[in-house]
Amino acid sequence: MTFDDQEYLNRYPFIDKVLISSEEIQLRVRQLGNEISNDYKDSVPILVCILKGAYPFLADLTRCLSVDHEVDFMAVSSYDGGTQSTGVVKIEKDLKSNITNRDVILVEDIIDTGLTIDNLIDLLKTRNPRSIRVAAVVDKKIARKKDVPLHYIGFEIPNEFVIGYGLDYDEKYRNLPFIGIMKA
């Protein structure tokens, strides 16, 4: 854990513990950047950041890529302010880019039930991309209701509600440099 991590813990006493430190996150993001760069050395992928939670991951990941790439954004909602996915997916902001015959990497903060990313993949397939892959900071596999193909995963986590590094609770705590568990 870095000094910054400890500083945030002191500031936010409702955080039970750091699950994944900022140092661990940065190391893993560099590794994922290398994997993606190797996989797309003959392509110019478009990274689609799923707002709002994936923006810190996207920012760090793009700095770790050694291949040319483009970035676009989508806003998708399935939580409605709570701590569990409703399963109802709403597109709040769509892509500006044409993804026909493009390699698409969906950049997500968390994959839990799989319902949101499954619906999103189905929607984007109608736009005829060459390929669609998923990159996510965390995978909460134990909460899965729908199996989905995941390609670049930072960490598998237990069935805990987590905040930080883009993950929020009621639109707060995305700024934490680590991923933490809130006190019950």
N, C-alpha and C. Protein backbone atom coordinates (compact mmCIF):
# COMPACT_ATOMS: atom_id res chain seq x y z
N MET A 1 0.86 -1.18 0.00
CA MET A 1 0.00 0.00 0.00
C MET A 1 0.90 1.24 0.00
N THR A 2 0.54 2.21 -0.81
CA THR A 2 1.34 3.43 -0.89
C THR A 2 0.90 4.43 0.17
N PHE A 3 1.70 5.48 0.33
CA PHE A 3 1.36 6.55 1.25
C PHE A 3 0.01 7.17 0.88
N ASP A 4 -0.22 7.36 -0.43
CA ASP A 4 -1.50 7.93 -0.86
C ASP A 4 -2.68 7.05 -0.45
N ASP A 5 -2.51 5.73 -0.57
CA ASP A 5 -3.58 4.83 -0.16
C ASP A 5 -3.91 5.04 1.31
N GLN A 6 -2.87 5.11 2.15
CA GLN A 6 -3.08 5.29 3.59
C GLN A 6 -3.72 6.64 3.88
N GLU A 7 -3.34 7.65 3.14
CA GLU A 7 -3.93 8.98 3.31
C GLU A 7 -5.43 8.95 3.05
N TYR A 8 -5.85 8.25 2.00
CA TYR A 8 -7.28 8.13 1.71
C TYR A 8 -8.01 7.32 2.78
N LEU A 9 -7.37 6.28 3.28
CA LEU A 9 -7.97 5.49 4.36
C LEU A 9 -8.21 6.35 5.59
N ASN A 10 -7.25 7.23 5.89
CA ASN A 10 -7.41 8.13 7.03
C ASN A 10 -8.55 9.12 6.80
N ARG A 11 -8.73 9.55 5.58
CA ARG A 11 -9.76 10.53 5.24
C ARG A 11 -11.16 9.93 5.22
N TYR A 12 -11.26 8.66 4.85
CA TYR A 12 -12.55 8.00 4.71
C TYR A 12 -12.63 6.81 5.68
N PRO A 13 -13.04 7.03 6.91
CA PRO A 13 -13.04 5.95 7.91
C PRO A 13 -14.07 4.85 7.65
N PHE A 14 -14.98 5.05 6.71
CA PHE A 14 -15.97 4.02 6.40
C PHE A 14 -15.42 2.93 5.50
N ILE A 15 -14.18 3.06 5.04
CA ILE A 15 -13.56 2.02 4.22
C ILE A 15 -13.01 0.96 5.17
N ASP A 16 -13.49 -0.24 5.02
CA ASP A 16 -13.08 -1.35 5.88
C ASP A 16 -11.63 -1.73 5.62
N LYS A 17 -11.30 -1.90 4.34
CA LYS A 17 -9.93 -2.28 4.00
C LYS A 17 -9.67 -2.05 2.52
N VAL A 18 -8.39 -2.00 2.19
CA VAL A 18 -7.96 -1.94 0.80
C VAL A 18 -7.92 -3.36 0.28
N LEU A 19 -8.68 -3.61 -0.76
CA LEU A 19 -8.70 -4.94 -1.38
C LEU A 19 -7.56 -5.06 -2.40
N ILE A 20 -7.40 -4.02 -3.22
CA ILE A 20 -6.35 -4.00 -4.24
C ILE A 20 -5.68 -2.63 -4.18
N SER A 21 -4.40 -2.61 -3.86
CA SER A 21 -3.69 -1.34 -3.69
C SER A 21 -3.47 -0.63 -5.02
N SER A 22 -3.20 0.65 -4.94
CA SER A 22 -2.93 1.43 -6.16
C SER A 22 -1.69 0.89 -6.88
N GLU A 23 -0.72 0.43 -6.11
CA GLU A 23 0.49 -0.14 -6.70
C GLU A 23 0.18 -1.42 -7.48
N GLU A 24 -0.64 -2.28 -6.91
CA GLU A 24 -1.05 -3.52 -7.59
C GLU A 24 -1.83 -3.20 -8.86
N ILE A 25 -2.70 -2.22 -8.78
CA ILE A 25 -3.50 -1.83 -9.95
C ILE A 25 -2.59 -1.36 -11.08
N GLN A 26 -1.66 -0.47 -10.78
CA GLN A 26 -0.79 0.07 -11.82
C GLN A 26 0.07 -1.00 -12.46
N LEU A 27 0.57 -1.94 -11.67
CA LEU A 27 1.36 -3.04 -12.21
C LEU A 27 0.51 -3.89 -13.16
N ARG A 28 -0.69 -4.22 -12.74
CA ARG A 28 -1.56 -5.07 -13.57
C ARG A 28 -2.00 -4.34 -14.84
N VAL A 29 -2.27 -3.06 -14.75
CA VAL A 29 -2.66 -2.29 -15.95
C VAL A 29 -1.52 -2.29 -16.97
N ARG A 30 -0.28 -2.16 -16.50
CA ARG A 30 0.87 -2.23 -17.43
C ARG A 30 0.92 -3.60 -18.11
N GLN A 31 0.68 -4.66 -17.34
CA GLN A 31 0.67 -6.00 -17.92
C GLN A 31 -0.43 -6.15 -18.97
N LEU A 32 -1.61 -5.65 -18.65
CA LEU A 32 -2.72 -5.71 -19.62
C LEU A 32 -2.40 -4.89 -20.86
N GLY A 33 -1.78 -3.73 -20.69
CA GLY A 33 -1.38 -2.91 -21.83
C GLY A 33 -0.43 -3.66 -22.75
N ASN A 34 0.50 -4.41 -22.17
CA ASN A 34 1.42 -5.21 -22.98
C ASN A 34 0.69 -6.32 -23.71
N GLU A 35 -0.25 -7.00 -23.04
CA GLU A 35 -1.03 -8.06 -23.68
C GLU A 35 -1.83 -7.51 -24.86
N ILE A 36 -2.51 -6.41 -24.65
CA ILE A 36 -3.32 -5.81 -25.71
C ILE A 36 -2.43 -5.36 -26.86
N SER A 37 -1.31 -4.75 -26.54
CA SER A 37 -0.38 -4.29 -27.59
C SER A 37 0.10 -5.47 -28.44
N ASN A 38 0.41 -6.59 -27.81
CA ASN A 38 0.83 -7.78 -28.56
C ASN A 38 -0.30 -8.33 -29.42
N ASP A 39 -1.50 -8.36 -28.87
CA ASP A 39 -2.64 -8.91 -29.60
C ASP A 39 -3.07 -8.04 -30.79
N TYR A 40 -2.81 -6.74 -30.72
CA TYR A 40 -3.29 -5.81 -31.75
C TYR A 40 -2.15 -5.12 -32.51
N LYS A 41 -1.01 -5.78 -32.62
CA LYS A 41 0.12 -5.16 -33.29
C LYS A 41 -0.12 -4.91 -34.77
N ASP A 42 -1.09 -5.62 -35.35
CA ASP A 42 -1.41 -5.44 -36.77
C ASP A 42 -2.77 -4.77 -36.97
N SER A 43 -3.24 -4.05 -35.96
CA SER A 43 -4.57 -3.46 -36.01
C SER A 43 -4.54 -2.11 -35.29
N VAL A 44 -5.58 -1.34 -35.49
CA VAL A 44 -5.78 -0.10 -34.74
C VAL A 44 -7.12 -0.26 -34.01
N PRO A 45 -7.09 -0.85 -32.82
CA PRO A 45 -8.35 -1.09 -32.11
C PRO A 45 -8.99 0.20 -31.64
N ILE A 46 -10.27 0.12 -31.41
CA ILE A 46 -10.98 1.24 -30.79
C ILE A 46 -11.38 0.79 -29.38
N LEU A 47 -10.91 1.53 -28.40
CA LEU A 47 -11.24 1.24 -27.01
C LEU A 47 -12.49 2.02 -26.66
N VAL A 48 -13.52 1.32 -26.24
CA VAL A 48 -14.79 1.93 -25.90
C VAL A 48 -14.91 1.93 -24.38
N CYS A 49 -14.76 3.10 -23.81
CA CYS A 49 -14.83 3.26 -22.36
C CYS A 49 -16.30 3.30 -21.94
N ILE A 50 -16.66 2.44 -21.00
CA ILE A 50 -18.02 2.42 -20.49
C ILE A 50 -18.06 3.35 -19.27
N LEU A 51 -18.71 4.49 -19.47
CA LEU A 51 -18.76 5.53 -18.43
C LEU A 51 -19.77 5.15 -17.37
N LYS A 52 -19.59 5.60 -16.20
CA LYS A 52 -18.57 6.50 -15.75
C LYS A 52 -17.39 5.76 -15.14
N GLY A 53 -17.63 4.55 -14.69
CA GLY A 53 -16.65 3.87 -13.86
C GLY A 53 -15.32 3.51 -14.49
N ALA A 54 -15.26 3.34 -15.80
CA ALA A 54 -14.04 2.83 -16.42
C ALA A 54 -13.05 3.92 -16.81
N TYR A 55 -13.38 5.20 -16.58
CA TYR A 55 -12.48 6.25 -17.08
C TYR A 55 -11.08 6.23 -16.46
N PRO A 56 -10.88 5.94 -15.16
CA PRO A 56 -9.49 5.88 -14.67
C PRO A 56 -8.71 4.73 -15.32
N PHE A 57 -9.37 3.60 -15.48
CA PHE A 57 -8.75 2.44 -16.12
C PHE A 57 -8.38 2.76 -17.56
N LEU A 58 -9.29 3.37 -18.30
CA LEU A 58 -9.00 3.74 -19.69
C LEU A 58 -7.80 4.68 -19.76
N ALA A 59 -7.79 5.70 -18.92
CA ALA A 59 -6.70 6.67 -18.95
C ALA A 59 -5.35 5.99 -18.70
N ASP A 60 -5.31 5.13 -17.69
CA ASP A 60 -4.05 4.43 -17.40
C ASP A 60 -3.71 3.43 -18.50
N LEU A 61 -4.70 2.70 -18.97
CA LEU A 61 -4.47 1.67 -19.98
C LEU A 61 -3.94 2.27 -21.29
N THR A 62 -4.51 3.37 -21.74
CA THR A 62 -4.06 3.93 -23.02
C THR A 62 -2.60 4.39 -22.95
N ARG A 63 -2.17 4.82 -21.78
CA ARG A 63 -0.75 5.22 -21.62
C ARG A 63 0.18 4.02 -21.63
N CYS A 64 -0.37 2.82 -21.45
CA CYS A 64 0.43 1.59 -21.43
C CYS A 64 0.42 0.86 -22.76
N LEU A 65 -0.31 1.36 -23.74
CA LEU A 65 -0.38 0.71 -25.04
C LEU A 65 0.73 1.22 -25.95
N SER A 66 1.35 0.30 -26.66
CA SER A 66 2.40 0.68 -27.61
C SER A 66 1.91 0.59 -29.05
N VAL A 67 0.61 0.38 -29.24
CA VAL A 67 0.02 0.33 -30.58
C VAL A 67 -0.90 1.54 -30.76
N ASP A 68 -1.05 1.94 -32.01
CA ASP A 68 -2.01 2.99 -32.30
C ASP A 68 -3.40 2.49 -31.95
N HIS A 69 -4.23 3.38 -31.45
CA HIS A 69 -5.59 3.02 -31.07
C HIS A 69 -6.43 4.27 -31.05
N GLU A 70 -7.74 4.07 -31.03
CA GLU A 70 -8.68 5.17 -30.90
C GLU A 70 -9.51 4.94 -29.65
N VAL A 71 -10.17 5.99 -29.20
CA VAL A 71 -10.98 5.92 -27.98
C VAL A 71 -12.35 6.52 -28.27
N ASP A 72 -13.38 5.88 -27.74
CA ASP A 72 -14.73 6.43 -27.77
C ASP A 72 -15.39 6.08 -26.44
N PHE A 73 -16.58 6.60 -26.23
CA PHE A 73 -17.24 6.45 -24.94
C PHE A 73 -18.71 6.07 -25.11
N MET A 74 -19.18 5.25 -24.16
CA MET A 74 -20.59 4.95 -24.03
C MET A 74 -20.95 5.08 -22.56
N ALA A 75 -22.16 5.51 -22.30
CA ALA A 75 -22.67 5.53 -20.93
C ALA A 75 -23.82 4.55 -20.87
N VAL A 76 -23.69 3.60 -19.95
CA VAL A 76 -24.67 2.53 -19.79
C VAL A 76 -25.02 2.44 -18.32
N SER A 77 -26.27 2.33 -18.01
CA SER A 77 -26.70 2.27 -16.62
C SER A 77 -27.48 1.00 -16.35
N SER A 78 -27.17 0.38 -15.20
CA SER A 78 -27.97 -0.76 -14.76
C SER A 78 -28.09 -0.81 -13.25
N TYR A 79 -27.56 0.20 -12.55
CA TYR A 79 -27.56 0.18 -11.09
C TYR A 79 -28.62 1.07 -10.46
N ASP A 80 -28.95 2.19 -11.08
CA ASP A 80 -30.00 3.08 -10.58
C ASP A 80 -29.75 3.52 -9.14
N GLY A 81 -28.47 3.80 -8.81
CA GLY A 81 -28.13 4.36 -7.50
C GLY A 81 -27.97 3.35 -6.39
N GLY A 82 -28.22 2.07 -6.63
CA GLY A 82 -28.10 1.07 -5.58
C GLY A 82 -26.76 0.37 -5.60
N THR A 83 -26.70 -0.77 -4.90
CA THR A 83 -25.45 -1.52 -4.82
C THR A 83 -25.50 -2.81 -5.63
N GLN A 84 -26.63 -3.10 -6.28
CA GLN A 84 -26.73 -4.29 -7.11
C GLN A 84 -27.36 -3.93 -8.45
N SER A 85 -26.89 -4.62 -9.48
CA SER A 85 -27.42 -4.38 -10.82
C SER A 85 -28.90 -4.74 -10.88
N THR A 86 -29.66 -3.89 -11.56
CA THR A 86 -31.10 -4.16 -11.73
C THR A 86 -31.35 -5.16 -12.85
N GLY A 87 -30.34 -5.34 -13.71
CA GLY A 87 -30.51 -6.22 -14.87
C GLY A 87 -31.14 -5.50 -16.05
N VAL A 88 -31.65 -4.29 -15.83
CA VAL A 88 -32.25 -3.49 -16.89
C VAL A 88 -31.17 -2.52 -17.39
N VAL A 89 -30.79 -2.66 -18.65
CA VAL A 89 -29.71 -1.85 -19.20
C VAL A 89 -30.29 -0.68 -19.98
N LYS A 90 -29.74 0.49 -19.71
CA LYS A 90 -30.19 1.70 -20.39
C LYS A 90 -28.97 2.37 -21.03
N ILE A 91 -29.03 2.63 -22.34
CA ILE A 91 -27.95 3.35 -23.03
C ILE A 91 -28.20 4.84 -22.84
N GLU A 92 -27.30 5.50 -22.15
CA GLU A 92 -27.44 6.93 -21.88
C GLU A 92 -26.61 7.79 -22.83
N LYS A 93 -25.52 7.23 -23.36
CA LYS A 93 -24.69 7.91 -24.34
C LYS A 93 -24.15 6.85 -25.29
N ASP A 94 -24.37 7.06 -26.57
CA ASP A 94 -23.94 6.08 -27.56
C ASP A 94 -22.62 6.50 -28.20
N LEU A 95 -22.02 5.59 -28.94
CA LEU A 95 -20.77 5.86 -29.65
C LEU A 95 -20.94 6.92 -30.72
N LYS A 96 -19.88 7.66 -30.97
CA LYS A 96 -19.85 8.56 -32.12
C LYS A 96 -19.17 7.86 -33.30
N SER A 97 -18.29 6.90 -32.99
CA SER A 97 -17.50 6.21 -34.01
C SER A 97 -18.29 5.13 -34.73
N ASN A 98 -17.95 4.94 -35.98
CA ASN A 98 -18.46 3.81 -36.75
C ASN A 98 -17.53 2.63 -36.45
N ILE A 99 -18.08 1.53 -35.94
CA ILE A 99 -17.25 0.39 -35.58
C ILE A 99 -17.32 -0.74 -36.60
N THR A 100 -17.97 -0.51 -37.73
CA THR A 100 -18.04 -1.53 -38.77
C THR A 100 -16.64 -1.94 -39.19
N ASN A 101 -16.40 -3.27 -39.16
CA ASN A 101 -15.12 -3.86 -39.54
C ASN A 101 -13.95 -3.36 -38.68
N ARG A 102 -14.24 -2.98 -37.44
CA ARG A 102 -13.20 -2.52 -36.50
C ARG A 102 -13.03 -3.53 -35.37
N ASP A 103 -11.85 -3.56 -34.79
CA ASP A 103 -11.61 -4.33 -33.58
C ASP A 103 -11.96 -3.45 -32.40
N VAL A 104 -12.92 -3.91 -31.60
CA VAL A 104 -13.45 -3.13 -30.48
C VAL A 104 -13.03 -3.79 -29.18
N ILE A 105 -12.54 -2.98 -28.25
CA ILE A 105 -12.26 -3.45 -26.89
C ILE A 105 -13.15 -2.64 -25.96
N LEU A 106 -14.09 -3.31 -25.31
CA LEU A 106 -14.95 -2.65 -24.33
C LEU A 106 -14.17 -2.55 -23.03
N VAL A 107 -14.02 -1.34 -22.52
CA VAL A 107 -13.25 -1.10 -21.30
C VAL A 107 -14.23 -0.84 -20.17
N GLU A 108 -14.26 -1.77 -19.21
CA GLU A 108 -15.21 -1.73 -18.10
C GLU A 108 -14.50 -1.65 -16.76
N ASP A 109 -15.23 -1.15 -15.76
CA ASP A 109 -14.67 -1.15 -14.41
C ASP A 109 -14.88 -2.51 -13.75
N ILE A 110 -16.09 -3.06 -13.84
CA ILE A 110 -16.40 -4.31 -13.16
C ILE A 110 -17.35 -5.16 -13.99
N ILE A 111 -17.12 -6.45 -13.96
CA ILE A 111 -18.06 -7.41 -14.53
C ILE A 111 -18.57 -8.22 -13.35
N ASP A 112 -19.86 -8.12 -13.09
CA ASP A 112 -20.41 -8.91 -11.98
C ASP A 112 -21.48 -9.87 -12.51
N THR A 113 -22.72 -9.43 -12.64
CA THR A 113 -23.76 -10.35 -13.12
C THR A 113 -23.52 -10.77 -14.57
N GLY A 114 -22.86 -9.92 -15.36
CA GLY A 114 -22.64 -10.19 -16.77
C GLY A 114 -23.78 -9.71 -17.65
N LEU A 115 -24.88 -9.29 -17.04
CA LEU A 115 -26.05 -8.89 -17.81
C LEU A 115 -25.79 -7.63 -18.64
N THR A 116 -25.17 -6.63 -18.04
CA THR A 116 -24.93 -5.38 -18.75
C THR A 116 -24.01 -5.59 -19.94
N ILE A 117 -22.87 -6.24 -19.71
CA ILE A 117 -21.89 -6.41 -20.79
C ILE A 117 -22.44 -7.33 -21.88
N ASP A 118 -23.23 -8.32 -21.51
CA ASP A 118 -23.85 -9.20 -22.50
C ASP A 118 -24.79 -8.43 -23.41
N ASN A 119 -25.63 -7.58 -22.81
CA ASN A 119 -26.55 -6.76 -23.61
C ASN A 119 -25.78 -5.79 -24.50
N LEU A 120 -24.71 -5.25 -23.98
CA LEU A 120 -23.90 -4.30 -24.75
C LEU A 120 -23.21 -4.98 -25.93
N ILE A 121 -22.67 -6.17 -25.69
CA ILE A 121 -22.04 -6.92 -26.78
C ILE A 121 -23.06 -7.24 -27.86
N ASP A 122 -24.24 -7.70 -27.46
CA ASP A 122 -25.29 -7.99 -28.44
C ASP A 122 -25.65 -6.76 -29.27
N LEU A 123 -25.77 -5.61 -28.62
CA LEU A 123 -26.08 -4.37 -29.33
C LEU A 123 -24.98 -4.02 -30.32
N LEU A 124 -23.74 -4.08 -29.89
CA LEU A 124 -22.63 -3.67 -30.75
C LEU A 124 -22.39 -4.65 -31.90
N LYS A 125 -22.72 -5.91 -31.71
CA LYS A 125 -22.59 -6.89 -32.81
C LYS A 125 -23.47 -6.52 -33.99
N THR A 126 -24.58 -5.84 -33.75
CA THR A 126 -25.47 -5.43 -34.84
C THR A 126 -24.81 -4.37 -35.73
N ARG A 127 -23.72 -3.80 -35.25
CA ARG A 127 -22.99 -2.77 -36.01
C ARG A 127 -21.81 -3.35 -36.78
N ASN A 128 -21.71 -4.66 -36.80
CA ASN A 128 -20.74 -5.41 -37.62
C ASN A 128 -19.28 -5.09 -37.36
N PRO A 129 -18.85 -5.12 -36.10
CA PRO A 129 -17.42 -4.97 -35.85
C PRO A 129 -16.67 -6.23 -36.29
N ARG A 130 -15.38 -6.11 -36.54
CA ARG A 130 -14.55 -7.29 -36.86
C ARG A 130 -14.47 -8.19 -35.63
N SER A 131 -14.27 -7.57 -34.46
CA SER A 131 -14.19 -8.34 -33.22
C SER A 131 -14.61 -7.45 -32.05
N ILE A 132 -15.04 -8.11 -30.98
CA ILE A 132 -15.33 -7.41 -29.73
C ILE A 132 -14.68 -8.20 -28.60
N ARG A 133 -13.87 -7.52 -27.83
CA ARG A 133 -13.26 -8.11 -26.64
C ARG A 133 -13.56 -7.21 -25.45
N VAL A 134 -13.39 -7.77 -24.26
CA VAL A 134 -13.70 -7.05 -23.03
C VAL A 134 -12.45 -6.95 -22.16
N ALA A 135 -12.18 -5.74 -21.69
CA ALA A 135 -11.13 -5.49 -20.70
C ALA A 135 -11.81 -4.90 -19.47
N ALA A 136 -11.55 -5.47 -18.31
CA ALA A 136 -12.18 -4.98 -17.08
C ALA A 136 -11.16 -4.99 -15.95
N VAL A 137 -11.29 -4.01 -15.08
CA VAL A 137 -10.40 -3.95 -13.92
C VAL A 137 -10.68 -5.13 -13.00
N VAL A 138 -11.96 -5.35 -12.68
CA VAL A 138 -12.28 -6.44 -11.76
C VAL A 138 -13.40 -7.32 -12.30
N ASP A 139 -13.29 -8.58 -11.93
CA ASP A 139 -14.28 -9.59 -12.30
C ASP A 139 -14.81 -10.19 -11.00
N LYS A 140 -16.11 -10.00 -10.77
CA LYS A 140 -16.77 -10.59 -9.61
C LYS A 140 -17.52 -11.83 -10.11
N LYS A 141 -16.74 -12.84 -10.46
CA LYS A 141 -17.26 -14.05 -11.09
C LYS A 141 -18.34 -14.73 -10.26
N ILE A 142 -18.24 -14.66 -8.95
CA ILE A 142 -19.19 -15.33 -8.07
C ILE A 142 -20.61 -14.76 -8.22
N ALA A 143 -20.74 -13.53 -8.72
CA ALA A 143 -22.05 -12.89 -8.89
C ALA A 143 -22.65 -13.12 -10.28
N ARG A 144 -21.94 -13.88 -11.12
CA ARG A 144 -22.33 -14.04 -12.52
C ARG A 144 -23.70 -14.71 -12.67
N LYS A 145 -24.55 -14.08 -13.49
CA LYS A 145 -25.84 -14.64 -13.88
C LYS A 145 -25.83 -15.03 -15.35
N LYS A 146 -24.93 -14.41 -16.11
CA LYS A 146 -24.83 -14.65 -17.55
C LYS A 146 -23.36 -14.80 -17.90
N ASP A 147 -22.99 -15.94 -18.47
CA ASP A 147 -21.60 -16.13 -18.89
C ASP A 147 -21.30 -15.23 -20.07
N VAL A 148 -20.20 -14.53 -19.97
CA VAL A 148 -19.76 -13.63 -21.04
C VAL A 148 -18.27 -13.84 -21.27
N PRO A 149 -17.82 -13.67 -22.51
CA PRO A 149 -16.39 -13.83 -22.78
C PRO A 149 -15.61 -12.62 -22.27
N LEU A 150 -14.64 -12.88 -21.41
CA LEU A 150 -13.78 -11.82 -20.89
C LEU A 150 -12.35 -12.10 -21.36
N HIS A 151 -11.66 -11.07 -21.80
CA HIS A 151 -10.35 -11.27 -22.41
C HIS A 151 -9.19 -10.68 -21.61
N TYR A 152 -9.38 -9.53 -21.04
CA TYR A 152 -8.32 -8.84 -20.31
C TYR A 152 -8.86 -8.44 -18.94
N ILE A 153 -8.54 -9.22 -17.92
CA ILE A 153 -9.08 -9.00 -16.58
C ILE A 153 -7.95 -8.64 -15.63
N GLY A 154 -8.19 -7.57 -14.87
CA GLY A 154 -7.19 -7.16 -13.89
C GLY A 154 -7.16 -8.09 -12.70
N PHE A 155 -8.29 -8.23 -12.03
CA PHE A 155 -8.34 -8.99 -10.78
C PHE A 155 -9.69 -9.66 -10.64
N GLU A 156 -9.69 -10.86 -10.07
CA GLU A 156 -10.95 -11.48 -9.66
C GLU A 156 -11.14 -11.14 -8.19
N ILE A 157 -12.37 -10.73 -7.85
CA ILE A 157 -12.64 -10.30 -6.48
C ILE A 157 -13.76 -11.12 -5.86
N PRO A 158 -13.82 -11.12 -4.53
CA PRO A 158 -14.92 -11.82 -3.85
C PRO A 158 -16.22 -11.04 -3.99
N ASN A 159 -17.29 -11.62 -3.49
CA ASN A 159 -18.61 -11.00 -3.60
C ASN A 159 -18.78 -9.92 -2.53
N GLU A 160 -18.04 -8.84 -2.70
CA GLU A 160 -18.08 -7.68 -1.82
C GLU A 160 -18.44 -6.46 -2.65
N PHE A 161 -19.07 -5.48 -2.01
CA PHE A 161 -19.33 -4.22 -2.72
C PHE A 161 -18.06 -3.38 -2.61
N VAL A 162 -17.48 -3.06 -3.76
CA VAL A 162 -16.20 -2.36 -3.79
C VAL A 162 -16.34 -0.95 -4.35
N ILE A 163 -15.43 -0.09 -3.90
CA ILE A 163 -15.38 1.30 -4.37
C ILE A 163 -13.93 1.65 -4.68
N GLY A 164 -13.78 2.70 -5.46
CA GLY A 164 -12.46 3.20 -5.79
C GLY A 164 -12.04 2.85 -7.20
N TYR A 165 -11.05 3.56 -7.71
CA TYR A 165 -10.52 3.39 -9.06
C TYR A 165 -11.66 3.33 -10.08
N GLY A 166 -12.58 4.29 -9.93
CA GLY A 166 -13.70 4.41 -10.86
C GLY A 166 -14.99 3.82 -10.34
N LEU A 167 -14.90 2.85 -9.46
CA LEU A 167 -16.10 2.21 -8.89
C LEU A 167 -16.68 3.12 -7.83
N ASP A 168 -18.00 3.26 -7.85
CA ASP A 168 -18.62 4.24 -6.97
C ASP A 168 -19.69 3.63 -6.08
N TYR A 169 -20.07 4.43 -5.11
CA TYR A 169 -21.29 4.20 -4.35
C TYR A 169 -22.05 5.50 -4.41
N ASP A 170 -23.19 5.49 -5.08
CA ASP A 170 -24.04 6.67 -5.23
C ASP A 170 -23.24 7.85 -5.80
N GLU A 171 -22.44 7.56 -6.84
CA GLU A 171 -21.64 8.55 -7.57
C GLU A 171 -20.46 9.12 -6.77
N LYS A 172 -20.11 8.51 -5.66
CA LYS A 172 -18.98 8.99 -4.85
C LYS A 172 -17.88 7.93 -4.80
N TYR A 173 -16.67 8.37 -4.49
CA TYR A 173 -15.50 7.53 -4.20
C TYR A 173 -14.81 6.96 -5.43
N ARG A 174 -15.16 7.44 -6.62
CA ARG A 174 -14.45 7.00 -7.83
C ARG A 174 -12.99 7.44 -7.78
N ASN A 175 -12.72 8.49 -7.01
CA ASN A 175 -11.39 9.11 -6.97
C ASN A 175 -10.36 8.32 -6.18
N LEU A 176 -10.76 7.32 -5.42
CA LEU A 176 -9.80 6.55 -4.63
C LEU A 176 -8.81 5.87 -5.56
N PRO A 177 -7.51 5.90 -5.24
CA PRO A 177 -6.51 5.30 -6.12
C PRO A 177 -6.42 3.78 -6.00
N PHE A 178 -7.14 3.21 -5.05
CA PHE A 178 -7.16 1.78 -4.81
C PHE A 178 -8.60 1.28 -4.90
N ILE A 179 -8.77 -0.02 -4.79
CA ILE A 179 -10.12 -0.60 -4.71
C ILE A 179 -10.29 -1.09 -3.28
N GLY A 180 -11.35 -0.58 -2.63
CA GLY A 180 -11.56 -0.91 -1.24
C GLY A 180 -12.95 -1.46 -0.98
N ILE A 181 -13.10 -2.00 0.22
CA ILE A 181 -14.38 -2.53 0.68
C ILE A 181 -14.92 -1.60 1.75
N MET A 182 -16.20 -1.23 1.61
CA MET A 182 -16.84 -0.37 2.60
C MET A 182 -17.22 -1.18 3.83
N LYS A 183 -17.19 -0.51 4.99
CA LYS A 183 -17.66 -1.16 6.22
C LYS A 183 -19.16 -1.39 6.12
N ALA A 184 -19.59 -2.52 6.70
CA ALA A 184 -21.02 -2.87 6.65
C ALA A 184 -21.82 -1.99 7.57
